[in-house]
C-alpha atoms as a PDB file:
ATOM      1  CA  MET A   1       0.058   0.146  -0.048  1.00  0.00           C
ATOM      2  CA  ASN A   2       2.729   2.320   0.916  1.00  0.00           C
ATOM      3  CA  PHE A   3       4.671   1.615  -2.141  1.00  0.00           C
ATOM      4  CA  THR A   4       1.742   2.114  -4.483  1.00  0.00           C
ATOM      5  CA  LEU A   5       1.269   5.738  -2.736  1.00  0.00           C
ATOM      6  CA  PHE A   6       4.894   6.307  -3.267  1.00  0.00           C
ATOM      7  CA  VAL A   7       4.974   5.468  -7.085  1.00  0.00           C
ATOM      8  CA  THR A   8       1.812   7.469  -7.530  1.00  0.00           C
ATOM      9  CA  THR A   9       2.951  10.513  -5.977  1.00  0.00           C
ATOM     10  CA  ILE A  10       6.423  10.323  -8.118  1.00  0.00           C
ATOM     11  CA  VAL A  11       4.621   9.829 -11.149  1.00  0.00           C
ATOM     12  CA  THR A  12       2.092  12.707 -10.538  1.00  0.00           C
ATOM     13  CA  GLY A  13       4.650  14.952  -9.576  1.00  0.00           C
ATOM     14  CA  LEU A  14       6.784  14.147 -12.724  1.00  0.00           C
ATOM     15  CA  ALA A  15       3.694  14.173 -15.072  1.00  0.00           C
ATOM     16  CA  PHE A  16       2.866  17.810 -13.496  1.00  0.00           C
ATOM     17  CA  VAL A  17       6.426  18.913 -13.905  1.00  0.00           C
ATOM     18  CA  GLY A  18       6.349  17.747 -17.672  1.00  0.00           C
ATOM     19  CA  VAL A  19       3.027  19.124 -18.646  1.00  0.00           C
ATOM     20  CA  VAL A  20       3.901  22.708 -17.071  1.00  0.00           C
ATOM     21  CA  THR A  21       7.305  22.703 -18.891  1.00  0.00           C
ATOM     22  CA  VAL A  22       5.534  21.707 -22.289  1.00  0.00           C
ATOM     23  CA  LEU A  23       3.069  24.281 -21.836  1.00  0.00           C
ATOM     24  CA  ALA A  24       5.597  26.984 -20.823  1.00  0.00           C
ATOM     25  CA  ASN A  25       7.416  26.048 -23.952  1.00  0.00           C
ATOM     26  CA  LEU A  26       4.407  26.362 -26.294  1.00  0.00           C
ATOM     27  CA  LEU A  27       2.741  29.524 -24.807  1.00  0.00           C
ATOM     28  CA  ALA A  28       5.630  31.507 -23.737  1.00  0.00           C
ATOM     29  CA  PRO A  29       6.435  34.894 -25.944  1.00  0.00           C
ATOM     30  CA  ARG A  30       9.611  34.759 -27.664  1.00  0.00           C
ATOM     31  CA  SER A  31      11.897  37.772 -29.130  1.00  0.00           C
ATOM     32  CA  PHE A  32      15.290  37.376 -30.273  1.00  0.00           C
ATOM     33  CA  ASN A  33      17.669  40.136 -29.619  1.00  0.00           C
ATOM     34  CA  ALA A  34      21.371  40.218 -29.759  1.00  0.00           C
ATOM     35  CA  GLN A  35      21.209  42.282 -26.612  1.00  0.00           C
ATOM     36  CA  LYS A  36      19.798  39.296 -24.774  1.00  0.00           C
ATOM     37  CA  ASP A  37      23.125  37.123 -25.109  1.00  0.00           C
ATOM     38  CA  GLU A  38      25.314  39.770 -23.450  1.00  0.00           C
ATOM     39  CA  ALA A  39      26.022  39.791 -19.539  1.00  0.00           C
ATOM     40  CA  PHE A  40      24.254  42.144 -17.235  1.00  0.00           C
ATOM     41  CA  GLU A  41      25.720  43.061 -14.012  1.00  0.00           C
ATOM     42  CA  CYS A  42      23.674  45.757 -12.087  1.00  0.00           C
ATOM     43  CA  GLY A  43      22.891  48.156 -15.269  1.00  0.00           C
ATOM     44  CA  ILE A  44      26.603  48.651 -15.894  1.00  0.00           C
ATOM     45  CA  PRO A  45      27.908  47.247 -19.101  1.00  0.00           C
ATOM     46  CA  THR A  46      30.660  44.830 -18.616  1.00  0.00           C
ATOM     47  CA  ARG A  47      34.334  45.182 -19.306  1.00  0.00           C
ATOM     48  CA  GLY A  48      36.409  42.520 -20.484  1.00  0.00           C
ATOM     49  CA  GLY A  49      36.169  38.596 -20.275  1.00  0.00           C
ATOM     50  CA  ALA A  50      34.183  36.796 -17.847  1.00  0.00           C
ATOM     51  CA  TRP A  51      37.208  34.320 -17.303  1.00  0.00           C
ATOM     52  CA  MET A  52      39.418  36.559 -14.748  1.00  0.00           C
ATOM     53  CA  GLN A  53      41.390  35.273 -12.047  1.00  0.00           C
ATOM     54  CA  PHE A  54      40.283  35.914  -8.539  1.00  0.00           C
ATOM     55  CA  ARG A  55      42.135  35.693  -5.269  1.00  0.00           C
ATOM     56  CA  ILE A  56      41.427  32.625  -3.113  1.00  0.00           C
ATOM     57  CA  GLY A  57      40.737  34.780  -0.194  1.00  0.00           C
ATOM     58  CA  TYR A  58      37.305  35.937  -1.701  1.00  0.00           C
ATOM     59  CA  TYR A  59      36.270  32.196  -2.362  1.00  0.00           C
ATOM     60  CA  LEU A  60      37.469  31.224   1.270  1.00  0.00           C
ATOM     61  CA  PHE A  61      35.586  34.065   2.600  1.00  0.00           C
ATOM     62  CA  ALA A  62      32.409  33.201   0.798  1.00  0.00           C
ATOM     63  CA  ILE A  63      32.713  29.485   1.622  1.00  0.00           C
ATOM     64  CA  LEU A  64      33.162  30.345   5.483  1.00  0.00           C
ATOM     65  CA  PHE A  65      29.977  32.874   5.403  1.00  0.00           C
ATOM     66  CA  LEU A  66      27.893  30.116   3.733  1.00  0.00           C
ATOM     67  CA  MET A  67      29.101  27.414   6.397  1.00  0.00           C
ATOM     68  CA  PHE A  68      28.325  29.513   9.336  1.00  0.00           C
ATOM     69  CA  ASP A  69      25.046  31.002   7.923  1.00  0.00           C
ATOM     70  CA  VAL A  70      23.940  27.327   7.101  1.00  0.00           C
ATOM     71  CA  GLU A  71      25.002  26.259  10.739  1.00  0.00           C
ATOM     72  CA  THR A  72      23.100  29.071  12.315  1.00  0.00           C
ATOM     73  CA  MET A  73      19.959  28.001  10.549  1.00  0.00           C
ATOM     74  CA  PHE A  74      20.187  24.986  12.341  1.00  0.00           C
ATOM     75  CA  LEU A  75      19.450  26.974  15.588  1.00  0.00           C
ATOM     76  CA  PHE A  76      15.789  27.848  14.523  1.00  0.00           C
ATOM     77  CA  PRO A  77      14.410  24.411  14.920  1.00  0.00           C
ATOM     78  CA  TRP A  78      15.877  24.105  18.274  1.00  0.00           C
ATOM     79  CA  ALA A  79      14.677  27.456  19.274  1.00  0.00           C
ATOM     80  CA  VAL A  80      11.235  26.218  18.646  1.00  0.00           C
ATOM     81  CA  VAL A  81      11.212  23.277  20.673  1.00  0.00           C
ATOM     82  CA  MET A  82      13.554  24.658  23.150  1.00  0.00           C
ATOM     83  CA  LYS A  83      11.223  24.231  26.131  1.00  0.00           C
ATOM     84  CA  SER A  84      10.197  20.691  25.506  1.00  0.00           C
ATOM     85  CA  LEU A  85      13.973  19.332  25.046  1.00  0.00           C
ATOM     86  CA  GLY A  86      14.973  20.477  28.585  1.00  0.00           C
ATOM     87  CA  LEU A  87      18.533  20.405  29.968  1.00  0.00           C
ATOM     88  CA  MET A  88      19.867  17.675  27.588  1.00  0.00           C
ATOM     89  CA  GLY A  89      18.775  19.996  24.781  1.00  0.00           C
ATOM     90  CA  LEU A  90      20.409  22.875  26.135  1.00  0.00           C
ATOM     91  CA  VAL A  91      23.743  20.875  26.669  1.00  0.00           C
ATOM     92  CA  VAL A  92      23.497  19.670  22.983  1.00  0.00           C
ATOM     93  CA  VAL A  93      22.860  23.010  21.532  1.00  0.00           C
ATOM     94  CA  GLY A  94      25.642  24.411  23.965  1.00  0.00           C
ATOM     95  CA  PHE A  95      28.302  21.842  22.561  1.00  0.00           C
ATOM     96  CA  PHE A  96      27.036  22.601  18.880  1.00  0.00           C
ATOM     97  CA  LEU A  97      27.649  26.304  19.547  1.00  0.00           C
ATOM     98  CA  PHE A  98      31.219  25.634  21.159  1.00  0.00           C
ATOM     99  CA  VAL A  99      32.199  23.729  17.950  1.00  0.00           C
ATOM    100  CA  LEU A 100      31.120  26.704  15.785  1.00  0.00           C
ATOM    101  CA  VAL A 101      32.911  29.190  18.014  1.00  0.00           C
ATOM    102  CA  LEU A 102      35.930  26.800  17.602  1.00  0.00           C
ATOM    103  CA  GLY A 103      35.585  26.659  13.674  1.00  0.00           C
ATOM    104  CA  LEU A 104      35.592  30.479  13.573  1.00  0.00           C
ATOM    105  CA  ALA A 105      38.558  30.706  16.023  1.00  0.00           C
ATOM    106  CA  TYR A 106      40.530  28.331  13.744  1.00  0.00           C
ATOM    107  CA  ALA A 107      39.456  30.393  10.551  1.00  0.00           C
ATOM    108  CA  TRP A 108      40.433  33.310  12.311  1.00  0.00           C
ATOM    109  CA  ARG A 109      43.683  32.203  13.403  1.00  0.00           C
ATOM    110  CA  LYS A 110      44.486  30.677  10.198  1.00  0.00           C
ATOM    111  CA  GLY A 111      43.980  34.369   8.584  1.00  0.00           C
ATOM    112  CA  ALA A 112      40.944  33.275   6.370  1.00  0.00           C
ATOM    113  CA  LEU A 113      38.855  36.273   7.715  1.00  0.00           C
ATOM    114  CA  LYS A 114      41.435  38.948   6.604  1.00  0.00           C
ATOM    115  CA  TRP A 115      40.470  40.986   3.773  1.00  0.00           C
ATOM    116  CA  GLU A 116      43.470  42.489   2.049  1.00  0.00           C
END
């Protein structure tokens, strides 16, 4: 029974996506213009090629930001059920925050947060 429901849900979802995609391709207005193929950034025309070399520091800074941002998102579900978890939940989240701060201190010590 459960497997049949699962297969039916998957098939229905795929059929819906397929029908919507085909309808969008058939009904969408089309206009071809050479300007549509150009890169666009904040209303300023681009200069030079798109393949330029960036310093690794920018990449590391972005990865660290995403890492800590995603880890911080894990605190929201905990905050919702905080009262029902009791003391053990507080200890577990305290350990989570300790590891988070430890990772931040490591990145800071290695110089990954320096913007030069």
